[in-house]
Amino acid sequence: KPFVKAGIELMTEIREWRIAIVDAVRNNYPISADWVSTQRRVADKNLMLATTSASTEDDRSAVPLLTAEFNNMQKLSDRILGMRRRATYIDRRALENDPLDQQILTCAQSMAAMVADNAFKDDAHCREAQN
């Protein structure tokens, strides 16, 4: 299905975006706004593809979860970029117990299970985080 393919591509891009952020924090690498904007554009394109290809009720029910996962990743990315811009020290273990990072991971696992089961499941971890 086009929706499942687009959703998988979106989640793959979000996973790569997250891994790059986590690696940058753990290894104290610089993170540029240009690089993050490239990651965001690719993920946004994949989100639009998933949204426009939603054809079943389950597909349409999953779109808000995909959108929330994208928004949560953007929030995490913005927070880390903001800290770097302010030259705030970021402990290399900062994301190990970060609630937003954990929510993104848990949602990704839930989405993978939905694809494997070929059935929609409304998971609270796939809702947009507050703050």
N, C-alpha and C. Protein backbone atom coordinates (compact mmCIF):
# COMPACT_ATOMS: atom_id res chain seq x y z
N LYS A 1 0.84 -1.20 0.00
CA LYS A 1 0.00 0.00 0.00
C LYS A 1 0.87 1.25 0.00
N PRO A 2 0.47 2.25 -0.74
CA PRO A 2 1.24 3.49 -0.76
C PRO A 2 1.33 4.15 0.62
N PHE A 3 0.26 4.08 1.41
CA PHE A 3 0.29 4.70 2.73
C PHE A 3 1.32 4.04 3.63
N VAL A 4 1.34 2.73 3.65
CA VAL A 4 2.29 2.01 4.50
C VAL A 4 3.71 2.31 4.06
N LYS A 5 3.96 2.32 2.76
CA LYS A 5 5.29 2.64 2.25
C LYS A 5 5.71 4.04 2.67
N ALA A 6 4.83 5.01 2.50
CA ALA A 6 5.15 6.39 2.88
C ALA A 6 5.35 6.51 4.39
N GLY A 7 4.54 5.81 5.17
CA GLY A 7 4.68 5.83 6.62
C GLY A 7 6.01 5.23 7.07
N ILE A 8 6.40 4.15 6.42
CA ILE A 8 7.69 3.52 6.75
C ILE A 8 8.83 4.46 6.39
N GLU A 9 8.73 5.10 5.25
CA GLU A 9 9.78 6.05 4.85
C GLU A 9 9.86 7.22 5.83
N LEU A 10 8.71 7.70 6.28
CA LEU A 10 8.70 8.78 7.27
C LEU A 10 9.36 8.33 8.57
N MET A 11 8.96 7.18 9.08
CA MET A 11 9.51 6.70 10.34
C MET A 11 11.01 6.41 10.21
N THR A 12 11.45 5.96 9.04
CA THR A 12 12.88 5.74 8.81
C THR A 12 13.64 7.06 8.88
N GLU A 13 13.09 8.09 8.25
CA GLU A 13 13.74 9.40 8.26
C GLU A 13 13.76 9.98 9.68
N ILE A 14 12.68 9.82 10.42
CA ILE A 14 12.65 10.30 11.81
C ILE A 14 13.68 9.55 12.65
N ARG A 15 13.79 8.24 12.43
CA ARG A 15 14.77 7.44 13.17
C ARG A 15 16.19 7.93 12.86
N GLU A 16 16.49 8.18 11.59
CA GLU A 16 17.82 8.65 11.22
C GLU A 16 18.10 10.03 11.80
N TRP A 17 17.10 10.89 11.79
CA TRP A 17 17.20 12.24 12.36
C TRP A 17 17.52 12.13 13.85
N ARG A 18 16.76 11.28 14.55
CA ARG A 18 16.95 11.09 15.99
C ARG A 18 18.33 10.52 16.29
N ILE A 19 18.74 9.52 15.55
CA ILE A 19 20.04 8.90 15.79
C ILE A 19 21.16 9.94 15.61
N ALA A 20 21.05 10.77 14.60
CA ALA A 20 22.06 11.79 14.37
C ALA A 20 22.11 12.79 15.53
N ILE A 21 20.95 13.18 16.05
CA ILE A 21 20.90 14.09 17.20
C ILE A 21 21.53 13.42 18.42
N VAL A 22 21.13 12.19 18.69
CA VAL A 22 21.65 11.46 19.85
C VAL A 22 23.17 11.29 19.73
N ASP A 23 23.65 10.90 18.54
CA ASP A 23 25.10 10.74 18.35
C ASP A 23 25.84 12.06 18.55
N ALA A 24 25.26 13.16 18.05
CA ALA A 24 25.89 14.47 18.21
C ALA A 24 26.00 14.84 19.69
N VAL A 25 24.94 14.56 20.45
CA VAL A 25 24.97 14.86 21.89
C VAL A 25 25.98 13.95 22.59
N ARG A 26 25.91 12.67 22.33
CA ARG A 26 26.81 11.72 23.02
C ARG A 26 28.27 11.97 22.72
N ASN A 27 28.57 12.41 21.50
CA ASN A 27 29.96 12.59 21.10
C ASN A 27 30.39 14.05 21.02
N ASN A 28 29.51 14.94 21.48
CA ASN A 28 29.77 16.38 21.50
C ASN A 28 30.14 16.92 20.12
N TYR A 29 29.42 16.46 19.10
CA TYR A 29 29.61 16.96 17.75
C TYR A 29 28.75 18.21 17.56
N PRO A 30 29.20 19.11 16.72
CA PRO A 30 28.35 20.28 16.43
C PRO A 30 27.13 19.86 15.61
N ILE A 31 26.05 20.58 15.78
CA ILE A 31 24.82 20.34 15.03
C ILE A 31 24.47 21.65 14.35
N SER A 32 24.35 21.63 13.03
CA SER A 32 24.02 22.87 12.33
C SER A 32 22.53 22.95 12.03
N ALA A 33 22.03 24.18 12.02
CA ALA A 33 20.63 24.40 11.67
C ALA A 33 20.37 23.99 10.23
N ASP A 34 21.35 24.17 9.35
CA ASP A 34 21.19 23.76 7.95
C ASP A 34 20.99 22.25 7.84
N TRP A 35 21.80 21.50 8.58
CA TRP A 35 21.68 20.05 8.53
C TRP A 35 20.32 19.60 9.05
N VAL A 36 19.89 20.17 10.16
CA VAL A 36 18.60 19.80 10.74
C VAL A 36 17.46 20.17 9.79
N SER A 37 17.58 21.32 9.12
CA SER A 37 16.50 21.72 8.21
C SER A 37 16.41 20.76 7.03
N THR A 38 17.53 20.20 6.60
CA THR A 38 17.50 19.20 5.53
C THR A 38 16.77 17.94 6.01
N GLN A 39 17.12 17.48 7.21
CA GLN A 39 16.43 16.31 7.77
C GLN A 39 14.93 16.57 7.88
N ARG A 40 14.58 17.75 8.36
CA ARG A 40 13.17 18.10 8.55
C ARG A 40 12.43 18.13 7.22
N ARG A 41 13.04 18.72 6.20
CA ARG A 41 12.38 18.80 4.88
C ARG A 41 12.09 17.41 4.32
N VAL A 42 13.03 16.51 4.43
CA VAL A 42 12.82 15.15 3.92
C VAL A 42 11.70 14.46 4.70
N ALA A 43 11.74 14.59 6.02
CA ALA A 43 10.68 13.99 6.85
C ALA A 43 9.33 14.62 6.54
N ASP A 44 9.30 15.94 6.37
CA ASP A 44 8.05 16.63 6.05
C ASP A 44 7.48 16.17 4.72
N LYS A 45 8.35 15.99 3.74
CA LYS A 45 7.91 15.47 2.43
C LYS A 45 7.27 14.08 2.59
N ASN A 46 7.92 13.23 3.38
CA ASN A 46 7.38 11.89 3.60
C ASN A 46 6.07 11.92 4.37
N LEU A 47 5.93 12.87 5.30
CA LEU A 47 4.67 13.02 6.02
C LEU A 47 3.56 13.44 5.06
N MET A 48 3.86 14.37 4.17
CA MET A 48 2.85 14.79 3.18
C MET A 48 2.45 13.64 2.28
N LEU A 49 3.43 12.82 1.86
CA LEU A 49 3.12 11.65 1.03
C LEU A 49 2.21 10.67 1.77
N ALA A 50 2.52 10.44 3.04
CA ALA A 50 1.68 9.53 3.83
C ALA A 50 0.27 10.11 3.98
N THR A 51 0.19 11.39 4.26
CA THR A 51 -1.11 12.03 4.46
C THR A 51 -1.97 11.95 3.20
N THR A 52 -1.36 12.25 2.07
CA THR A 52 -2.14 12.24 0.82
C THR A 52 -2.46 10.84 0.32
N SER A 53 -1.70 9.84 0.78
CA SER A 53 -1.98 8.48 0.31
C SER A 53 -2.89 7.70 1.26
N ALA A 54 -3.30 8.30 2.36
CA ALA A 54 -4.21 7.62 3.30
C ALA A 54 -5.54 7.36 2.61
N SER A 55 -5.90 6.09 2.49
CA SER A 55 -7.12 5.75 1.75
C SER A 55 -8.14 4.97 2.57
N THR A 56 -7.71 4.33 3.64
CA THR A 56 -8.65 3.57 4.46
C THR A 56 -8.88 4.31 5.78
N GLU A 57 -9.86 3.86 6.54
CA GLU A 57 -10.12 4.46 7.84
C GLU A 57 -8.92 4.30 8.77
N ASP A 58 -8.29 3.12 8.76
CA ASP A 58 -7.09 2.91 9.57
C ASP A 58 -5.97 3.85 9.15
N ASP A 59 -5.80 4.03 7.84
CA ASP A 59 -4.78 4.96 7.35
C ASP A 59 -5.05 6.36 7.89
N ARG A 60 -6.28 6.81 7.74
CA ARG A 60 -6.63 8.16 8.20
C ARG A 60 -6.49 8.29 9.72
N SER A 61 -6.74 7.21 10.44
CA SER A 61 -6.58 7.24 11.89
C SER A 61 -5.11 7.31 12.29
N ALA A 62 -4.24 6.78 11.46
CA ALA A 62 -2.81 6.76 11.77
C ALA A 62 -2.12 8.08 11.42
N VAL A 63 -2.70 8.87 10.53
CA VAL A 63 -2.07 10.13 10.12
C VAL A 63 -1.78 11.05 11.31
N PRO A 64 -2.72 11.26 12.24
CA PRO A 64 -2.39 12.13 13.39
C PRO A 64 -1.24 11.58 14.24
N LEU A 65 -1.10 10.26 14.28
CA LEU A 65 0.00 9.67 15.06
C LEU A 65 1.33 9.93 14.36
N LEU A 66 1.36 9.79 13.04
CA LEU A 66 2.56 10.10 12.28
C LEU A 66 2.92 11.58 12.41
N THR A 67 1.91 12.42 12.34
CA THR A 67 2.11 13.86 12.47
C THR A 67 2.67 14.21 13.85
N ALA A 68 2.13 13.59 14.89
CA ALA A 68 2.61 13.84 16.25
C ALA A 68 4.05 13.37 16.41
N GLU A 69 4.39 12.23 15.84
CA GLU A 69 5.77 11.73 15.93
C GLU A 69 6.72 12.71 15.24
N PHE A 70 6.34 13.21 14.08
CA PHE A 70 7.13 14.22 13.38
C PHE A 70 7.27 15.47 14.26
N ASN A 71 6.17 15.96 14.81
CA ASN A 71 6.21 17.17 15.66
C ASN A 71 7.06 16.96 16.91
N ASN A 72 6.97 15.78 17.51
CA ASN A 72 7.78 15.50 18.70
C ASN A 72 9.27 15.48 18.35
N MET A 73 9.61 14.92 17.20
CA MET A 73 11.00 14.90 16.78
C MET A 73 11.48 16.32 16.53
N GLN A 74 10.63 17.14 15.95
CA GLN A 74 10.99 18.55 15.70
C GLN A 74 11.24 19.27 17.03
N LYS A 75 10.40 19.00 18.02
CA LYS A 75 10.58 19.63 19.34
C LYS A 75 11.92 19.22 19.97
N LEU A 76 12.23 17.95 19.90
CA LEU A 76 13.49 17.47 20.46
C LEU A 76 14.67 18.11 19.72
N SER A 77 14.60 18.13 18.42
CA SER A 77 15.64 18.72 17.60
C SER A 77 15.80 20.21 17.92
N ASP A 78 14.69 20.93 17.99
CA ASP A 78 14.74 22.37 18.31
C ASP A 78 15.36 22.62 19.68
N ARG A 79 15.02 21.78 20.64
CA ARG A 79 15.55 21.96 21.99
C ARG A 79 17.07 21.78 22.01
N ILE A 80 17.56 20.73 21.34
CA ILE A 80 19.00 20.48 21.31
C ILE A 80 19.71 21.59 20.53
N LEU A 81 19.16 21.99 19.40
CA LEU A 81 19.75 23.08 18.62
C LEU A 81 19.80 24.38 19.43
N GLY A 82 18.72 24.65 20.15
CA GLY A 82 18.67 25.85 20.99
C GLY A 82 19.75 25.83 22.06
N MET A 83 19.96 24.68 22.66
CA MET A 83 21.00 24.56 23.68
C MET A 83 22.38 24.79 23.05
N ARG A 84 22.58 24.25 21.86
CA ARG A 84 23.87 24.45 21.18
C ARG A 84 24.08 25.93 20.84
N ARG A 85 23.03 26.59 20.37
CA ARG A 85 23.14 28.01 20.01
C ARG A 85 23.48 28.86 21.22
N ARG A 86 22.93 28.50 22.37
CA ARG A 86 23.20 29.25 23.61
C ARG A 86 24.49 28.79 24.27
N ALA A 87 25.20 27.89 23.60
CA ALA A 87 26.45 27.33 24.12
C ALA A 87 26.24 26.68 25.48
N THR A 88 25.07 26.10 25.67
CA THR A 88 24.77 25.38 26.90
C THR A 88 25.43 24.01 26.85
N TYR A 89 26.08 23.65 27.94
CA TYR A 89 26.68 22.33 28.01
C TYR A 89 25.58 21.28 27.97
N ILE A 90 25.77 20.28 27.14
CA ILE A 90 24.82 19.16 27.06
C ILE A 90 25.58 17.91 27.48
N ASP A 91 25.19 17.37 28.60
CA ASP A 91 25.81 16.13 29.08
C ASP A 91 25.60 15.05 28.03
N ARG A 92 26.62 14.28 27.77
CA ARG A 92 26.52 13.25 26.72
C ARG A 92 25.46 12.19 27.03
N ARG A 93 25.02 12.12 28.28
CA ARG A 93 23.97 11.16 28.67
C ARG A 93 22.61 11.84 28.78
N ALA A 94 22.51 13.08 28.31
CA ALA A 94 21.30 13.88 28.50
C ALA A 94 20.04 13.24 27.93
N LEU A 95 20.17 12.50 26.86
CA LEU A 95 18.97 11.92 26.24
C LEU A 95 18.64 10.53 26.74
N GLU A 96 19.49 9.96 27.58
CA GLU A 96 19.25 8.60 28.06
C GLU A 96 17.93 8.45 28.80
N ASN A 97 17.54 9.45 29.56
CA ASN A 97 16.29 9.39 30.31
C ASN A 97 15.36 10.54 29.96
N ASP A 98 15.54 11.10 28.78
CA ASP A 98 14.72 12.22 28.34
C ASP A 98 13.32 11.72 27.98
N PRO A 99 12.27 12.25 28.61
CA PRO A 99 10.91 11.75 28.35
C PRO A 99 10.48 11.89 26.89
N LEU A 100 10.84 13.00 26.24
CA LEU A 100 10.43 13.18 24.85
C LEU A 100 11.16 12.19 23.94
N ASP A 101 12.43 11.98 24.17
CA ASP A 101 13.18 11.01 23.39
C ASP A 101 12.60 9.61 23.58
N GLN A 102 12.28 9.26 24.83
CA GLN A 102 11.69 7.95 25.10
C GLN A 102 10.32 7.80 24.43
N GLN A 103 9.55 8.88 24.41
CA GLN A 103 8.24 8.85 23.75
C GLN A 103 8.40 8.62 22.25
N ILE A 104 9.37 9.28 21.64
CA ILE A 104 9.62 9.10 20.21
C ILE A 104 9.99 7.65 19.92
N LEU A 105 10.86 7.08 20.74
CA LEU A 105 11.26 5.68 20.56
C LEU A 105 10.08 4.72 20.73
N THR A 106 9.31 4.92 21.77
CA THR A 106 8.17 4.03 22.04
C THR A 106 7.14 4.12 20.93
N CYS A 107 6.90 5.32 20.42
CA CYS A 107 5.96 5.48 19.32
C CYS A 107 6.47 4.76 18.07
N ALA A 108 7.75 4.89 17.79
CA ALA A 108 8.32 4.21 16.62
C ALA A 108 8.13 2.71 16.72
N GLN A 109 8.31 2.15 17.92
CA GLN A 109 8.10 0.72 18.11
C GLN A 109 6.63 0.36 17.91
N SER A 110 5.73 1.20 18.38
CA SER A 110 4.30 0.97 18.19
C SER A 110 3.92 1.01 16.72
N MET A 111 4.48 1.98 16.00
CA MET A 111 4.21 2.08 14.55
C MET A 111 4.71 0.84 13.82
N ALA A 112 5.88 0.36 14.20
CA ALA A 112 6.42 -0.84 13.57
C ALA A 112 5.51 -2.04 13.82
N ALA A 113 4.97 -2.13 15.03
CA ALA A 113 4.04 -3.23 15.35
C ALA A 113 2.76 -3.11 14.53
N MET A 114 2.28 -1.89 14.33
CA MET A 114 1.07 -1.70 13.51
C MET A 114 1.30 -2.18 12.09
N VAL A 115 2.46 -1.87 11.54
CA VAL A 115 2.76 -2.30 10.18
C VAL A 115 2.85 -3.83 10.14
N ALA A 116 3.53 -4.40 11.11
CA ALA A 116 3.68 -5.86 11.15
C ALA A 116 2.34 -6.57 11.30
N ASP A 117 1.45 -5.99 12.12
CA ASP A 117 0.13 -6.59 12.35
C ASP A 117 -0.90 -6.18 11.30
N ASN A 118 -0.53 -5.19 10.48
CA ASN A 118 -1.44 -4.65 9.47
C ASN A 118 -2.76 -4.20 10.10
N ALA A 119 -2.64 -3.54 11.26
CA ALA A 119 -3.83 -3.06 11.97
C ALA A 119 -3.50 -1.81 12.75
N PHE A 120 -4.40 -0.85 12.72
CA PHE A 120 -4.22 0.39 13.46
C PHE A 120 -4.44 0.15 14.95
N LYS A 121 -3.60 0.79 15.76
CA LYS A 121 -3.76 0.76 17.21
C LYS A 121 -3.47 2.15 17.72
N ASP A 122 -4.40 2.75 18.41
CA ASP A 122 -4.21 4.09 18.95
C ASP A 122 -3.33 3.99 20.19
N ASP A 123 -2.11 4.50 20.09
CA ASP A 123 -1.15 4.43 21.19
C ASP A 123 -0.90 5.82 21.71
N ALA A 124 -1.07 6.02 23.01
CA ALA A 124 -0.88 7.32 23.63
C ALA A 124 0.54 7.86 23.45
N HIS A 125 1.50 6.98 23.28
CA HIS A 125 2.88 7.44 23.06
C HIS A 125 3.03 8.15 21.72
N CYS A 126 2.08 7.94 20.84
CA CYS A 126 2.12 8.56 19.51
C CYS A 126 1.28 9.82 19.44
N ARG A 127 1.07 10.44 20.55
CA ARG A 127 0.38 11.73 20.61
C ARG A 127 1.43 12.81 20.78
N GLU A 128 1.09 13.99 20.37
CA GLU A 128 2.05 15.09 20.49
C GLU A 128 2.31 15.41 21.95
N ALA A 129 3.58 15.51 22.28
CA ALA A 129 3.99 15.82 23.64
C ALA A 129 3.62 17.27 23.98
N GLN A 130 3.28 17.47 25.20
CA GLN A 130 2.99 18.82 25.68
C GLN A 130 4.32 19.44 26.11
N ASN A 131 4.61 20.62 25.59
CA ASN A 131 5.86 21.36 25.87
C ASN A 131 7.02 20.74 25.19
